[in-house]
Amino acid sequence: IEYTQEDLEKVWNTNFKSMFGLTVACHPLLKRNRGEPFSSVVNIGSVAGVTCMKSGTPYASTKAAMNQVTGNWACEWGPDGIRVNCVTPWYINTELA
């Protein structure tokens, strides 16, 4: 199966870059002072990012990257009072999958 550069860029921009940019932009709004309730980021991943399946390599790679950045942000942003998690539903047949 072959993917064009355009295919890769479309799914990368849709699934990863948009999530990354929005989440980073929201960090100052989510940051809490000691004693305040935690704020939360919940990313919507896919099982395709944690196991191998026929969902398309570009799609799966963006979801795997989302899982990784979610874990890193959980470590980095926890001291700022921000919980960061990613849910990974089972395969759903969409145009991007």
C-alpha atoms as a PDB file:
ATOM      1  CA  ILE A   1       0.000   0.000   0.000  1.00  0.00           C
ATOM      2  CA  GLU A   2       1.360   3.387  -0.920  1.00  0.00           C
ATOM      3  CA  TYR A   3       0.603   6.719   0.719  1.00  0.00           C
ATOM      4  CA  THR A   4       1.335  10.067  -0.836  1.00  0.00           C
ATOM      5  CA  GLN A   5       2.968  12.930   1.016  1.00  0.00           C
ATOM      6  CA  GLU A   6      -0.395  14.694   0.777  1.00  0.00           C
ATOM      7  CA  ASP A   7      -2.120  11.722   2.453  1.00  0.00           C
ATOM      8  CA  LEU A   8       0.397  11.790   5.278  1.00  0.00           C
ATOM      9  CA  GLU A   9       0.167  15.556   5.775  1.00  0.00           C
ATOM     10  CA  LYS A  10      -3.637  15.533   5.827  1.00  0.00           C
ATOM     11  CA  VAL A  11      -3.917  12.917   8.538  1.00  0.00           C
ATOM     12  CA  TRP A  12      -0.930  14.324  10.493  1.00  0.00           C
ATOM     13  CA  ASN A  13      -2.440  17.841  10.474  1.00  0.00           C
ATOM     14  CA  THR A  14      -5.915  16.580  11.370  1.00  0.00           C
ATOM     15  CA  ASN A  15      -5.015  14.095  14.089  1.00  0.00           C
ATOM     16  CA  PHE A  16      -1.813  15.385  15.646  1.00  0.00           C
ATOM     17  CA  LYS A  17      -0.857  18.957  14.835  1.00  0.00           C
ATOM     18  CA  SER A  18      -4.316  20.324  15.628  1.00  0.00           C
ATOM     19  CA  MET A  19      -4.412  18.506  18.989  1.00  0.00           C
ATOM     20  CA  PHE A  20      -0.863  19.557  19.833  1.00  0.00           C
ATOM     21  CA  GLY A  21      -1.329  23.227  18.956  1.00  0.00           C
ATOM     22  CA  LEU A  22      -4.661  23.571  20.739  1.00  0.00           C
ATOM     23  CA  THR A  23      -3.456  21.820  23.875  1.00  0.00           C
ATOM     24  CA  VAL A  24      -0.285  23.911  24.119  1.00  0.00           C
ATOM     25  CA  ALA A  25      -2.336  27.088  23.587  1.00  0.00           C
ATOM     26  CA  CYS A  26      -4.680  26.057  26.432  1.00  0.00           C
ATOM     27  CA  HIS A  27      -1.907  25.340  28.953  1.00  0.00           C
ATOM     28  CA  PRO A  28      -1.998  28.820  30.544  1.00  0.00           C
ATOM     29  CA  LEU A  29      -5.788  28.536  30.950  1.00  0.00           C
ATOM     30  CA  LEU A  30      -5.544  25.066  32.483  1.00  0.00           C
ATOM     31  CA  LYS A  31      -2.692  25.790  34.916  1.00  0.00           C
ATOM     32  CA  ARG A  32      -3.776  25.693  38.576  1.00  0.00           C
ATOM     33  CA  ASN A  33      -2.337  27.052  41.792  1.00  0.00           C
ATOM     34  CA  ARG A  34      -1.617  24.735  44.711  1.00  0.00           C
ATOM     35  CA  GLY A  35      -4.866  23.784  46.432  1.00  0.00           C
ATOM     36  CA  GLU A  36      -7.105  24.440  43.429  1.00  0.00           C
ATOM     37  CA  PRO A  37      -8.911  21.512  41.750  1.00  0.00           C
ATOM     38  CA  PHE A  38      -7.031  19.839  38.897  1.00  0.00           C
ATOM     39  CA  SER A  39      -7.912  20.665  35.319  1.00  0.00           C
ATOM     40  CA  SER A  40      -7.923  17.939  32.682  1.00  0.00           C
ATOM     41  CA  VAL A  41      -6.959  17.285  29.093  1.00  0.00           C
ATOM     42  CA  VAL A  42      -8.557  14.219  27.515  1.00  0.00           C
ATOM     43  CA  ASN A  43      -7.245  13.272  24.084  1.00  0.00           C
ATOM     44  CA  ILE A  44      -9.151  10.897  21.818  1.00  0.00           C
ATOM     45  CA  GLY A  45      -6.708   8.332  20.527  1.00  0.00           C
ATOM     46  CA  SER A  46      -7.289   4.977  18.905  1.00  0.00           C
ATOM     47  CA  VAL A  47      -6.408   1.388  19.549  1.00  0.00           C
ATOM     48  CA  ALA A  48      -4.543   1.702  16.227  1.00  0.00           C
ATOM     49  CA  GLY A  49      -1.926   3.735  18.118  1.00  0.00           C
ATOM     50  CA  VAL A  50      -1.184   0.970  20.616  1.00  0.00           C
ATOM     51  CA  THR A  51      -1.435  -2.193  18.529  1.00  0.00           C
ATOM     52  CA  CYS A  52      -0.873  -3.187  14.909  1.00  0.00           C
ATOM     53  CA  MET A  53      -3.926  -3.394  12.685  1.00  0.00           C
ATOM     54  CA  LYS A  54      -5.061  -2.539   9.162  1.00  0.00           C
ATOM     55  CA  SER A  55      -6.061   1.058   9.875  1.00  0.00           C
ATOM     56  CA  GLY A  56      -3.384   2.635   7.706  1.00  0.00           C
ATOM     57  CA  THR A  57       0.144   3.449   8.741  1.00  0.00           C
ATOM     58  CA  PRO A  58      -0.232   7.260   8.618  1.00  0.00           C
ATOM     59  CA  TYR A  59      -3.363   7.146  10.796  1.00  0.00           C
ATOM     60  CA  ALA A  60      -1.864   4.716  13.291  1.00  0.00           C
ATOM     61  CA  SER A  61       1.360   6.721  13.564  1.00  0.00           C
ATOM     62  CA  THR A  62      -0.520   9.913  14.452  1.00  0.00           C
ATOM     63  CA  LYS A  63      -2.436   8.093  17.186  1.00  0.00           C
ATOM     64  CA  ALA A  64       0.763   6.535  18.550  1.00  0.00           C
ATOM     65  CA  ALA A  65       2.346  10.003  18.630  1.00  0.00           C
ATOM     66  CA  MET A  66      -0.719  11.301  20.477  1.00  0.00           C
ATOM     67  CA  ASN A  67      -0.351   8.562  23.094  1.00  0.00           C
ATOM     68  CA  GLN A  68       3.303   9.454  23.575  1.00  0.00           C
ATOM     69  CA  VAL A  69       2.807  13.210  23.892  1.00  0.00           C
ATOM     70  CA  THR A  70      -0.098  12.602  26.290  1.00  0.00           C
ATOM     71  CA  GLY A  71       2.164  10.627  28.605  1.00  0.00           C
ATOM     72  CA  ASN A  72       4.897  13.231  28.414  1.00  0.00           C
ATOM     73  CA  TRP A  73       2.473  16.060  29.150  1.00  0.00           C
ATOM     74  CA  ALA A  74       1.067  14.106  32.101  1.00  0.00           C
ATOM     75  CA  CYS A  75       4.583  14.084  33.583  1.00  0.00           C
ATOM     76  CA  GLU A  76       5.467  17.647  32.622  1.00  0.00           C
ATOM     77  CA  TRP A  77       2.133  19.327  33.396  1.00  0.00           C
ATOM     78  CA  GLY A  78       1.175  17.411  36.538  1.00  0.00           C
ATOM     79  CA  PRO A  79       3.049  19.907  38.736  1.00  0.00           C
ATOM     80  CA  ASP A  80       0.928  22.651  37.108  1.00  0.00           C
ATOM     81  CA  GLY A  81      -2.246  20.921  38.321  1.00  0.00           C
ATOM     82  CA  ILE A  82      -3.151  19.529  34.903  1.00  0.00           C
ATOM     83  CA  ARG A  83      -4.113  15.888  34.387  1.00  0.00           C
ATOM     84  CA  VAL A  84      -3.533  14.630  30.844  1.00  0.00           C
ATOM     85  CA  ASN A  85      -5.079  11.376  29.604  1.00  0.00           C
ATOM     86  CA  CYS A  86      -5.869   9.676  26.327  1.00  0.00           C
ATOM     87  CA  VAL A  87      -8.773   7.335  25.721  1.00  0.00           C
ATOM     88  CA  THR A  88      -8.250   4.756  23.009  1.00  0.00           C
ATOM     89  CA  PRO A  89     -11.518   3.380  21.630  1.00  0.00           C
ATOM     90  CA  TRP A  90     -11.622   0.296  19.466  1.00  0.00           C
ATOM     91  CA  TYR A  91     -11.541   0.582  15.685  1.00  0.00           C
ATOM     92  CA  ILE A  92     -14.228   2.774  14.096  1.00  0.00           C
ATOM     93  CA  ASN A  93     -14.338   2.848  10.314  1.00  0.00           C
ATOM     94  CA  THR A  94     -14.027   6.509   9.255  1.00  0.00           C
ATOM     95  CA  GLU A  95     -12.627   8.269   6.191  1.00  0.00           C
ATOM     96  CA  LEU A  96      -9.327   8.820   8.029  1.00  0.00           C
ATOM     97  CA  ALA A  97      -8.984   5.230   9.202  1.00  0.00           C
END
